[in-house]
């Protein structure tokens, strides 16, 4: 699992939907790390300055970085759906930096 990948996320019997991973790659490669960070992909524009339109595996959707960053249980990632292209991943990175007031 790598940063920028999109997975179908399901907690127990409750389907949550597509989740894009935003955790750093070195954390994801450690099998001892069970919790990651992600942003759910939603079908409609949620509005706001950090809402980013993305296309993953032929499906379009939106990521709302400022509002929807959440912890993700690695064991609940059940199906790989695709990955963000480099331009979309760059926009996600910039939205994260802006959300938390980090220098670029």
Protein backbone atom coordinates (compact mmCIF):
# COMPACT_ATOMS: atom_id res chain seq x y z
CA UNK A 1 0.00 0.00 0.00
CA UNK A 2 1.35 3.36 -1.01
CA UNK A 3 0.42 6.99 -0.65
CA UNK A 4 -2.02 8.05 -3.36
CA UNK A 5 -3.61 4.63 -3.80
CA UNK A 6 -7.37 4.29 -3.65
CA UNK A 7 -8.94 1.26 -1.93
CA UNK A 8 -12.48 0.18 -1.21
CA UNK A 9 -12.84 0.50 2.57
CA UNK A 10 -15.17 -1.68 4.63
CA UNK A 11 -15.48 -1.79 8.41
CA UNK A 12 -17.03 -5.07 9.49
CA UNK A 13 -20.17 -5.42 7.37
CA UNK A 14 -20.50 -1.67 6.76
CA UNK A 15 -19.16 -0.54 3.35
CA UNK A 16 -17.60 2.89 3.74
CA UNK A 17 -16.62 3.41 0.10
CA UNK A 18 -13.43 4.41 -1.71
CA UNK A 19 -10.61 5.75 0.45
CA UNK A 20 -7.46 7.47 -0.87
CA UNK A 21 -4.39 6.91 1.32
CA UNK A 22 -2.40 9.99 2.27
CA UNK A 23 0.00 8.57 4.86
CA UNK A 24 3.70 8.66 4.16
CA UNK A 25 4.94 5.65 2.21
CA UNK A 26 7.56 4.63 4.78
CA UNK A 27 4.84 4.17 7.41
CA UNK A 28 2.63 2.11 5.11
CA UNK A 29 5.45 -0.30 4.25
CA UNK A 30 5.79 -1.23 7.94
CA UNK A 31 3.52 -4.22 8.61
CA UNK A 32 3.33 -3.27 12.29
CA UNK A 33 1.45 -0.08 11.39
CA UNK A 34 -2.26 -0.88 11.30
CA UNK A 35 -3.64 2.66 11.22
CA UNK A 36 -3.06 4.94 8.25
CA UNK A 37 -4.55 8.25 7.18
CA UNK A 38 -6.89 8.65 4.25
CA UNK A 39 -9.55 10.79 2.65
CA UNK A 40 -12.83 9.32 1.44
CA UNK A 41 -13.64 9.91 -2.21
CA UNK A 42 -17.15 11.33 -2.63
CA UNK A 43 -19.13 11.57 -5.89
CA UNK A 44 -20.18 15.24 -5.64
CA UNK A 45 -18.30 18.49 -5.06
CA UNK A 46 -18.35 19.09 -1.28
CA UNK A 47 -17.36 22.72 -1.77
CA UNK A 48 -14.53 24.50 -0.04
CA UNK A 49 -11.03 25.58 -1.01
CA UNK A 50 -9.47 22.18 -0.38
CA UNK A 51 -11.98 20.10 -2.35
CA UNK A 52 -10.05 18.42 -5.17
CA UNK A 53 -11.60 16.71 -8.21
CA UNK A 54 -9.84 13.41 -9.00
CA UNK A 55 -10.13 10.52 -11.45
CA UNK A 56 -9.24 7.02 -10.24
CA UNK A 57 -9.64 3.94 -12.40
CA UNK A 58 -12.17 5.63 -14.66
CA UNK A 59 -14.25 6.90 -11.74
CA UNK A 60 -14.41 10.60 -10.98
CA UNK A 61 -14.94 11.96 -7.52
CA UNK A 62 -13.84 14.56 -4.99
CA UNK A 63 -11.49 14.65 -2.02
CA UNK A 64 -12.09 17.20 0.74
CA UNK A 65 -8.73 17.43 2.44
CA UNK A 66 -9.53 20.00 5.17
CA UNK A 67 -12.69 18.31 6.40
CA UNK A 68 -12.35 14.60 5.73
CA UNK A 69 -8.86 13.38 6.73
CA UNK A 70 -9.49 10.31 8.83
CA UNK A 71 -7.70 7.35 10.37
CA UNK A 72 -7.94 4.21 8.27
CA UNK A 73 -7.55 0.66 9.56
CA UNK A 74 -5.22 -1.12 7.14
CA UNK A 75 -7.08 -4.44 7.58
CA UNK A 76 -10.31 -2.87 6.27
CA UNK A 77 -8.83 -1.97 2.86
CA UNK A 78 -10.46 -4.72 0.82
CA UNK A 79 -10.04 -3.91 -2.89
CA UNK A 80 -7.47 -1.87 -4.81
CA UNK A 81 -9.25 0.60 -7.13
CA UNK A 82 -6.34 2.49 -8.66
CA UNK A 83 -4.06 5.39 -7.82
CA UNK A 84 -3.96 9.14 -8.22
CA UNK A 85 -1.94 10.42 -11.16
CA UNK A 86 1.10 12.57 -10.24
CA UNK A 87 -0.73 15.87 -10.93
CA UNK A 88 -3.63 14.94 -8.62
CA UNK A 89 -1.22 13.71 -5.93
CA UNK A 90 0.62 17.03 -6.14
CA UNK A 91 -2.68 18.91 -5.64
CA UNK A 92 -3.46 16.70 -2.62
CA UNK A 93 -0.03 17.46 -1.15
CA UNK A 94 -0.56 21.21 -1.61
CA UNK A 95 -4.01 21.02 -0.02
CA UNK A 96 -2.54 19.18 2.99
CA UNK A 97 0.18 21.82 3.37
CA UNK A 98 -2.38 24.63 3.13
CA UNK A 99 -4.80 22.94 5.55
CA UNK A 100 -2.16 22.59 8.27
CA UNK A 101 -0.26 25.82 7.52
CA UNK A 102 2.94 24.03 6.51
CA UNK A 103 5.53 25.66 4.24
CA UNK A 104 5.68 24.19 0.72
